[in-house]
């Protein structure tokens, strides 16, 4: 019970820190973030990225069409496997997914950053063999987004903490 509460607080805290970082003007194209929590057989993954990646990098379209298209493209993502390959031996089945699109806070001026948005995919998976979760492969994200340079990955896997940055050349994290 305490681990569940701690995990949830960690996930929320990480998202708040990320929001604060973005608020400081750090809407960075080419950078994605993943937060991963494994408790018993439940795997929670939050994957955040600039929403422009949903539109094949056509971020500066007409505003009235851009938002609706972003929402539609975000809803088309039905599996966290779009971004992360999980070992099949772990026997993980996705049981839930939540999509969020939010504006990146601006400086209050009509600058270039004011219309930018971030997308977040939150997925829950039940893993029958969590001990077989020995790696995470982020190659699918690099295959999907041609402008992706790196992914900052943080999390808690049981009693082990995780903090790594992956690139297309080193897309697999060993756990």
Protein backbone atom coordinates (compact mmCIF):
# COMPACT_ATOMS: atom_id res chain seq x y z
CA UNK A 1 0.00 0.00 0.00
CA UNK A 2 2.76 2.45 0.96
CA UNK A 3 4.69 1.55 -2.16
CA UNK A 4 1.64 2.35 -4.32
CA UNK A 5 1.26 5.74 -2.66
CA UNK A 6 4.99 6.43 -2.98
CA UNK A 7 4.96 5.37 -6.63
CA UNK A 8 2.01 7.59 -7.42
CA UNK A 9 3.58 10.55 -5.63
CA UNK A 10 6.84 9.93 -7.50
CA UNK A 11 5.03 9.90 -10.85
CA UNK A 12 3.11 13.07 -10.05
CA UNK A 13 6.21 14.75 -8.67
CA UNK A 14 8.18 13.92 -11.80
CA UNK A 15 5.45 15.38 -13.99
CA UNK A 16 5.35 18.56 -11.89
CA UNK A 17 9.13 18.91 -12.17
CA UNK A 18 8.88 18.35 -15.93
CA UNK A 19 6.14 20.96 -16.18
CA UNK A 20 8.27 23.43 -14.23
CA UNK A 21 11.21 22.69 -16.51
CA UNK A 22 9.08 23.27 -19.58
CA UNK A 23 7.64 26.44 -18.02
CA UNK A 24 11.15 27.82 -17.91
CA UNK A 25 11.15 27.81 -21.71
CA UNK A 26 12.60 24.33 -22.19
CA UNK A 27 10.16 23.09 -24.84
CA UNK A 28 12.93 21.16 -26.54
CA UNK A 29 12.37 19.51 -29.88
CA UNK A 30 14.28 16.25 -30.19
CA UNK A 31 13.87 15.48 -26.48
CA UNK A 32 11.27 13.08 -25.06
CA UNK A 33 10.80 11.95 -21.45
CA UNK A 34 9.66 8.65 -19.97
CA UNK A 35 8.77 7.83 -16.38
CA UNK A 36 8.52 4.14 -15.50
CA UNK A 37 7.25 2.54 -12.30
CA UNK A 38 7.11 -1.20 -11.65
CA UNK A 39 5.41 -2.39 -8.49
CA UNK A 40 4.76 -6.09 -8.11
CA UNK A 41 3.23 -6.97 -11.48
CA UNK A 42 1.97 -3.51 -12.40
CA UNK A 43 4.02 -1.44 -14.85
CA UNK A 44 3.13 2.24 -15.24
CA UNK A 45 4.67 4.25 -18.06
CA UNK A 46 4.32 7.96 -18.76
CA UNK A 47 5.79 9.11 -22.09
CA UNK A 48 5.97 12.86 -22.84
CA UNK A 49 6.98 14.53 -26.11
CA UNK A 50 6.48 17.77 -28.08
CA UNK A 51 3.10 17.49 -29.83
CA UNK A 52 4.68 18.71 -33.07
CA UNK A 53 6.02 15.17 -33.46
CA UNK A 54 2.43 14.01 -34.07
CA UNK A 55 2.20 16.08 -37.26
CA UNK A 56 5.38 15.00 -38.99
CA UNK A 57 7.07 18.14 -37.65
CA UNK A 58 4.60 20.52 -39.30
CA UNK A 59 4.24 22.53 -36.10
CA UNK A 60 3.60 25.90 -37.71
CA UNK A 61 0.33 25.05 -39.52
CA UNK A 62 -2.74 27.25 -39.27
CA UNK A 63 -3.73 27.28 -35.61
CA UNK A 64 -7.42 26.40 -36.15
CA UNK A 65 -6.56 23.08 -37.85
CA UNK A 66 -3.47 22.26 -35.86
CA UNK A 67 -5.15 21.58 -32.50
CA UNK A 68 -7.85 19.27 -33.88
CA UNK A 69 -5.31 17.35 -35.94
CA UNK A 70 -3.02 16.94 -32.92
CA UNK A 71 -5.88 15.54 -30.84
CA UNK A 72 -6.86 13.08 -33.57
CA UNK A 73 -3.26 11.95 -34.11
CA UNK A 74 -2.77 11.50 -30.37
CA UNK A 75 -5.93 9.39 -30.05
CA UNK A 76 -4.65 7.09 -32.80
CA UNK A 77 -1.87 5.88 -30.48
CA UNK A 78 -3.40 2.82 -28.87
CA UNK A 79 -0.37 1.09 -27.39
CA UNK A 80 2.69 2.09 -25.40
CA UNK A 81 4.55 -0.31 -27.72
CA UNK A 82 4.51 2.62 -30.16
CA UNK A 83 7.39 3.99 -28.06
CA UNK A 84 8.82 1.15 -25.95
CA UNK A 85 9.40 -2.54 -26.63
CA UNK A 86 9.00 -4.67 -23.50
CA UNK A 87 10.43 -8.20 -23.38
CA UNK A 88 7.73 -10.70 -24.36
CA UNK A 89 8.90 -13.03 -21.57
CA UNK A 90 7.53 -10.53 -19.03
CA UNK A 91 4.03 -11.31 -20.40
CA UNK A 92 2.82 -7.72 -20.00
CA UNK A 93 -0.67 -6.81 -21.20
CA UNK A 94 -1.75 -3.20 -21.47
CA UNK A 95 -4.82 -2.60 -19.29
CA UNK A 96 -5.21 1.15 -19.63
CA UNK A 97 -4.08 4.20 -21.57
CA UNK A 98 -4.68 7.92 -21.12
CA UNK A 99 -3.79 10.66 -23.63
CA UNK A 100 -3.15 14.30 -22.68
CA UNK A 101 -2.39 17.33 -24.81
CA UNK A 102 -1.41 20.51 -22.99
CA UNK A 103 -0.07 23.91 -23.90
CA UNK A 104 3.47 24.65 -22.87
CA UNK A 105 3.47 27.66 -20.58
CA UNK A 106 4.69 30.77 -22.30
CA UNK A 107 6.52 33.77 -21.00
CA UNK A 108 3.34 35.85 -21.29
CA UNK A 109 4.41 37.45 -24.55
CA UNK A 110 3.35 36.64 -28.07
CA UNK A 111 6.62 34.87 -28.74
CA UNK A 112 7.34 31.74 -30.78
CA UNK A 113 6.88 29.43 -27.75
CA UNK A 114 3.31 30.50 -26.92
CA UNK A 115 1.53 28.05 -29.25
CA UNK A 116 3.61 24.96 -28.52
CA UNK A 117 2.10 21.90 -26.87
CA UNK A 118 3.27 18.69 -25.24
CA UNK A 119 1.60 15.31 -25.52
CA UNK A 120 1.63 12.69 -22.78
CA UNK A 121 0.72 9.02 -23.05
CA UNK A 122 0.16 7.22 -19.74
CA UNK A 123 -0.17 3.45 -19.87
CA UNK A 124 -0.75 0.75 -17.27
CA UNK A 125 0.32 -2.83 -17.93
CA UNK A 126 -0.12 -6.00 -15.90
CA UNK A 127 2.94 -8.23 -16.14
CA UNK A 128 2.59 -11.92 -15.30
CA UNK A 129 6.36 -12.40 -15.05
CA UNK A 130 7.80 -9.07 -13.87
CA UNK A 131 11.15 -10.74 -13.10
CA UNK A 132 11.57 -11.20 -16.89
CA UNK A 133 11.47 -7.43 -17.33
CA UNK A 134 15.22 -7.22 -17.84
CA UNK A 135 15.35 -4.46 -20.44
CA UNK A 136 13.40 -1.69 -22.13
CA UNK A 137 13.95 -0.92 -25.82
CA UNK A 138 13.12 2.60 -26.98
CA UNK A 139 13.91 1.87 -30.67
CA UNK A 140 10.21 2.15 -31.65
CA UNK A 141 10.18 5.82 -30.53
CA UNK A 142 13.33 6.57 -32.55
CA UNK A 143 11.81 4.77 -35.54
CA UNK A 144 8.58 6.77 -35.25
CA UNK A 145 10.06 10.27 -34.75
CA UNK A 146 12.79 11.20 -37.22
CA UNK A 147 13.82 14.31 -35.24
CA UNK A 148 14.13 12.52 -31.88
CA UNK A 149 17.63 12.87 -30.46
CA UNK A 150 17.29 11.52 -26.92
CA UNK A 151 14.88 10.25 -24.30
CA UNK A 152 15.37 10.98 -20.61
CA UNK A 153 14.16 7.95 -18.66
CA UNK A 154 13.49 7.97 -14.91
CA UNK A 155 11.68 5.58 -12.67
CA UNK A 156 11.44 3.06 -9.90
CA UNK A 157 11.49 -0.67 -10.57
CA UNK A 158 10.71 -2.38 -7.29
CA UNK A 159 13.48 -1.09 -5.02
CA UNK A 160 15.78 -0.07 -7.90
CA UNK A 161 15.85 3.52 -9.16
CA UNK A 162 16.36 4.31 -12.82
CA UNK A 163 17.81 7.44 -14.42
CA UNK A 164 19.26 7.16 -17.92
CA UNK A 165 19.31 8.95 -21.22
CA UNK A 166 18.88 6.86 -24.35
CA UNK A 167 19.72 7.71 -27.96
CA UNK A 168 19.07 6.00 -31.29
CA UNK A 169 22.54 4.40 -31.04
CA UNK A 170 21.94 3.20 -27.46
CA UNK A 171 18.18 2.70 -27.29
CA UNK A 172 18.09 -0.28 -24.88
CA UNK A 173 18.23 0.01 -21.10
CA UNK A 174 19.26 -3.08 -19.15
CA UNK A 175 17.44 -3.43 -15.85
